[in-house]
């Protein structure tokens, strides 16, 4: 939901071009401006996405998980403790 207002001043040629594009696309001038802002400033670039993926796949992000046998053993022990407590 839109809840904040910003006032932007355009010269007559800019607003005319925006209005033509809005009519052509069936969108409002505000929607065009919001889309442009999202694309330019709020969407990560391909390079930023690649860097984030590399960080996730790096050795520093790897975690060590116990084996299934260890997990099964701990779950069994936890269940036995709960049953004994009841």
N, C-alpha and C. Protein backbone atom coordinates (compact mmCIF):
# COMPACT_ATOMS: atom_id res chain seq x y z
N UNK A 1 0.84 -1.17 0.00
CA UNK A 1 0.00 0.00 0.00
C UNK A 1 0.89 1.23 0.00
N UNK A 2 0.57 2.16 -0.84
CA UNK A 2 1.34 3.39 -0.92
C UNK A 2 0.93 4.31 0.22
N UNK A 3 1.93 4.87 0.93
CA UNK A 3 1.59 5.69 2.09
C UNK A 3 2.43 6.96 2.22
N UNK A 4 3.40 7.14 1.36
CA UNK A 4 4.26 8.33 1.44
C UNK A 4 4.18 9.10 0.13
N UNK A 5 4.22 10.39 0.23
CA UNK A 5 4.12 11.27 -0.94
C UNK A 5 5.43 12.03 -1.10
N UNK A 6 5.85 12.17 -2.37
CA UNK A 6 7.04 12.93 -2.73
C UNK A 6 6.66 13.87 -3.86
N UNK A 7 7.11 15.10 -3.77
CA UNK A 7 6.86 16.05 -4.85
C UNK A 7 8.11 16.17 -5.71
N UNK A 8 7.93 16.00 -7.03
CA UNK A 8 9.03 16.10 -7.98
C UNK A 8 8.63 17.13 -9.03
N UNK A 9 9.55 18.04 -9.33
CA UNK A 9 9.28 19.04 -10.35
C UNK A 9 9.95 18.63 -11.65
N UNK A 10 9.18 18.66 -12.75
CA UNK A 10 9.69 18.34 -14.07
C UNK A 10 9.55 19.55 -14.97
N UNK A 11 10.43 19.64 -15.98
CA UNK A 11 10.22 20.70 -16.97
C UNK A 11 9.12 20.23 -17.91
N UNK A 12 8.51 21.15 -18.66
CA UNK A 12 7.35 20.80 -19.50
C UNK A 12 7.63 19.67 -20.50
N UNK A 13 8.82 19.61 -21.08
CA UNK A 13 9.11 18.55 -22.05
C UNK A 13 9.18 17.19 -21.36
N UNK A 14 9.75 17.15 -20.16
CA UNK A 14 9.83 15.88 -19.43
C UNK A 14 8.46 15.36 -19.05
N UNK A 15 7.61 16.22 -18.52
CA UNK A 15 6.29 15.75 -18.09
C UNK A 15 5.45 15.36 -19.30
N UNK A 16 5.62 16.07 -20.42
CA UNK A 16 4.89 15.70 -21.63
C UNK A 16 5.31 14.31 -22.10
N UNK A 17 6.62 14.04 -22.07
CA UNK A 17 7.11 12.72 -22.48
C UNK A 17 6.61 11.64 -21.53
N UNK A 18 6.61 11.91 -20.25
CA UNK A 18 6.09 10.94 -19.28
C UNK A 18 4.61 10.68 -19.50
N UNK A 19 3.84 11.72 -19.77
CA UNK A 19 2.40 11.55 -20.00
C UNK A 19 2.13 10.74 -21.27
N UNK A 20 2.93 10.98 -22.33
CA UNK A 20 2.78 10.19 -23.56
C UNK A 20 3.06 8.72 -23.28
N UNK A 21 4.15 8.46 -22.57
CA UNK A 21 4.50 7.07 -22.23
C UNK A 21 3.43 6.44 -21.36
N UNK A 22 2.88 7.19 -20.43
CA UNK A 22 1.82 6.67 -19.56
C UNK A 22 0.59 6.30 -20.38
N UNK A 23 0.20 7.16 -21.31
CA UNK A 23 -0.96 6.86 -22.17
C UNK A 23 -0.67 5.63 -23.03
N UNK A 24 0.53 5.57 -23.59
CA UNK A 24 0.91 4.47 -24.47
C UNK A 24 0.89 3.13 -23.74
N UNK A 25 1.33 3.12 -22.48
CA UNK A 25 1.43 1.87 -21.72
C UNK A 25 0.21 1.58 -20.85
N UNK A 26 -0.69 2.58 -20.73
CA UNK A 26 -1.86 2.39 -19.89
C UNK A 26 -1.56 2.47 -18.41
N UNK A 27 -0.45 3.11 -18.07
CA UNK A 27 -0.07 3.27 -16.67
C UNK A 27 -0.14 4.74 -16.30
N UNK A 28 -0.11 5.00 -15.00
CA UNK A 28 -0.06 6.38 -14.55
C UNK A 28 1.38 6.88 -14.60
N UNK A 29 1.54 8.19 -14.58
CA UNK A 29 2.88 8.77 -14.53
C UNK A 29 3.57 8.32 -13.25
N UNK A 30 2.84 8.30 -12.15
CA UNK A 30 3.41 7.84 -10.88
C UNK A 30 3.91 6.40 -10.95
N UNK A 31 3.12 5.53 -11.63
CA UNK A 31 3.54 4.13 -11.76
C UNK A 31 4.82 4.03 -12.58
N UNK A 32 4.93 4.83 -13.63
CA UNK A 32 6.16 4.83 -14.44
C UNK A 32 7.36 5.24 -13.59
N UNK A 33 7.19 6.27 -12.81
CA UNK A 33 8.29 6.77 -11.97
C UNK A 33 8.66 5.73 -10.92
N UNK A 34 7.66 5.11 -10.27
CA UNK A 34 7.95 4.08 -9.27
C UNK A 34 8.70 2.90 -9.89
N UNK A 35 8.27 2.47 -11.10
CA UNK A 35 8.96 1.37 -11.78
C UNK A 35 10.42 1.72 -12.07
N UNK A 36 10.64 2.94 -12.55
CA UNK A 36 12.01 3.37 -12.87
C UNK A 36 12.89 3.39 -11.62
N UNK A 37 12.34 3.86 -10.51
CA UNK A 37 13.09 3.92 -9.25
C UNK A 37 13.41 2.50 -8.77
N UNK A 38 12.42 1.61 -8.84
CA UNK A 38 12.67 0.22 -8.42
C UNK A 38 13.75 -0.41 -9.27
N UNK A 39 13.65 -0.22 -10.59
CA UNK A 39 14.63 -0.83 -11.49
C UNK A 39 16.03 -0.28 -11.27
N UNK A 40 16.14 1.03 -11.10
CA UNK A 40 17.46 1.66 -11.02
C UNK A 40 18.09 1.57 -9.64
N UNK A 41 17.30 1.75 -8.59
CA UNK A 41 17.88 1.88 -7.26
C UNK A 41 17.54 0.76 -6.28
N UNK A 42 16.47 0.02 -6.51
CA UNK A 42 16.03 -0.94 -5.51
C UNK A 42 16.20 -2.39 -5.92
N UNK A 43 16.63 -2.65 -7.15
CA UNK A 43 16.83 -4.01 -7.62
C UNK A 43 18.32 -4.27 -7.71
N UNK A 44 18.80 -5.35 -7.11
CA UNK A 44 20.24 -5.64 -7.18
C UNK A 44 20.67 -5.88 -8.63
N UNK A 45 21.85 -5.42 -8.95
CA UNK A 45 22.41 -5.64 -10.29
C UNK A 45 22.85 -7.10 -10.41
N UNK A 46 23.06 -7.56 -11.64
CA UNK A 46 23.56 -8.94 -11.80
C UNK A 46 24.88 -9.16 -11.05
N UNK A 47 25.73 -8.14 -11.01
CA UNK A 47 26.99 -8.27 -10.29
C UNK A 47 26.75 -8.42 -8.79
N UNK A 48 25.80 -7.64 -8.25
CA UNK A 48 25.48 -7.75 -6.82
C UNK A 48 24.88 -9.11 -6.49
N UNK A 49 24.04 -9.63 -7.39
CA UNK A 49 23.47 -10.96 -7.18
C UNK A 49 24.55 -12.03 -7.19
N UNK A 50 25.45 -11.93 -8.17
CA UNK A 50 26.55 -12.89 -8.25
C UNK A 50 27.42 -12.85 -6.99
N UNK A 51 27.72 -11.65 -6.51
CA UNK A 51 28.54 -11.51 -5.31
C UNK A 51 27.83 -12.14 -4.10
N UNK A 52 26.52 -11.93 -3.99
CA UNK A 52 25.76 -12.52 -2.88
C UNK A 52 25.79 -14.05 -2.96
N UNK A 53 25.63 -14.57 -4.17
CA UNK A 53 25.67 -16.02 -4.35
C UNK A 53 27.05 -16.57 -3.98
N UNK A 54 28.09 -15.88 -4.39
CA UNK A 54 29.44 -16.32 -4.05
C UNK A 54 29.66 -16.32 -2.54
N UNK A 55 29.11 -15.30 -1.85
CA UNK A 55 29.23 -15.27 -0.38
C UNK A 55 28.51 -16.46 0.24
N UNK A 56 27.32 -16.78 -0.29
CA UNK A 56 26.57 -17.92 0.26
C UNK A 56 27.29 -19.24 0.03
N UNK A 57 27.97 -19.36 -1.10
CA UNK A 57 28.65 -20.60 -1.43
C UNK A 57 30.08 -20.69 -0.90
N UNK A 58 30.54 -19.61 -0.28
CA UNK A 58 31.92 -19.59 0.19
C UNK A 58 32.11 -20.51 1.38
N UNK A 59 33.36 -20.84 1.64
CA UNK A 59 33.70 -21.73 2.75
C UNK A 59 33.28 -21.14 4.09
N UNK A 60 33.30 -19.80 4.22
CA UNK A 60 32.94 -19.19 5.49
C UNK A 60 31.48 -19.41 5.86
N UNK A 61 30.64 -19.62 4.86
CA UNK A 61 29.20 -19.80 5.13
C UNK A 61 28.81 -21.25 5.34
N UNK A 62 29.71 -22.15 5.08
CA UNK A 62 29.37 -23.57 5.23
C UNK A 62 29.20 -23.92 6.70
N UNK A 63 28.17 -24.69 6.97
CA UNK A 63 27.95 -25.13 8.34
C UNK A 63 28.10 -26.65 8.41
N UNK A 64 28.45 -27.12 9.53
CA UNK A 64 28.63 -28.55 9.73
C UNK A 64 27.37 -29.11 10.39
N UNK A 65 26.75 -30.05 9.72
CA UNK A 65 25.56 -30.69 10.27
C UNK A 65 25.90 -32.09 10.75
N UNK A 66 25.23 -32.53 11.81
CA UNK A 66 25.49 -33.90 12.28
C UNK A 66 24.93 -34.90 11.27
N UNK A 67 25.41 -36.13 11.37
CA UNK A 67 24.93 -37.20 10.49
C UNK A 67 23.49 -37.54 10.87
N UNK A 68 22.79 -38.20 9.95
CA UNK A 68 21.42 -38.63 10.22
C UNK A 68 21.40 -39.58 11.41
N UNK A 69 22.38 -40.43 11.53
CA UNK A 69 22.42 -41.36 12.67
C UNK A 69 22.49 -40.60 13.99
N UNK A 70 23.29 -39.53 14.05
CA UNK A 70 23.41 -38.75 15.28
C UNK A 70 22.08 -38.04 15.59
N UNK A 71 21.45 -37.48 14.56
CA UNK A 71 20.16 -36.79 14.75
C UNK A 71 19.12 -37.78 15.25
N UNK A 72 19.07 -38.96 14.63
CA UNK A 72 18.11 -39.99 15.02
C UNK A 72 18.32 -40.39 16.49
N UNK A 73 19.57 -40.54 16.88
CA UNK A 73 19.90 -40.91 18.25
C UNK A 73 19.42 -39.84 19.23
N UNK A 74 19.69 -38.56 18.91
CA UNK A 74 19.28 -37.47 19.79
C UNK A 74 17.76 -37.33 19.86
N UNK A 75 17.08 -37.52 18.73
CA UNK A 75 15.61 -37.46 18.74
C UNK A 75 15.03 -38.57 19.60
N UNK A 76 15.59 -39.77 19.48
CA UNK A 76 15.13 -40.90 20.29
C UNK A 76 15.31 -40.63 21.78
N UNK A 77 16.48 -40.10 22.14
CA UNK A 77 16.75 -39.79 23.54
C UNK A 77 15.79 -38.72 24.05
N UNK A 78 15.52 -37.72 23.23
CA UNK A 78 14.61 -36.63 23.63
C UNK A 78 13.20 -37.18 23.82
N UNK A 79 12.77 -38.05 22.93
CA UNK A 79 11.42 -38.63 23.04
C UNK A 79 11.31 -39.50 24.30
N UNK A 80 12.37 -40.27 24.59
CA UNK A 80 12.35 -41.12 25.79
C UNK A 80 12.28 -40.27 27.06
N UNK A 81 13.00 -39.13 27.07
CA UNK A 81 12.95 -38.23 28.24
C UNK A 81 11.53 -37.67 28.41
N UNK A 82 10.89 -37.27 27.30
CA UNK A 82 9.53 -36.73 27.40
C UNK A 82 8.54 -37.76 27.91
N UNK A 83 8.69 -38.99 27.40
CA UNK A 83 7.78 -40.06 27.86
C UNK A 83 7.99 -40.34 29.33
N UNK A 84 9.24 -40.37 29.76
CA UNK A 84 9.55 -40.65 31.17
C UNK A 84 9.03 -39.52 32.07
N UNK A 85 9.03 -38.27 31.57
CA UNK A 85 8.58 -37.14 32.37
C UNK A 85 7.07 -37.12 32.52
N UNK A 86 6.36 -37.72 31.57
CA UNK A 86 4.88 -37.71 31.63
C UNK A 86 4.43 -38.72 32.60
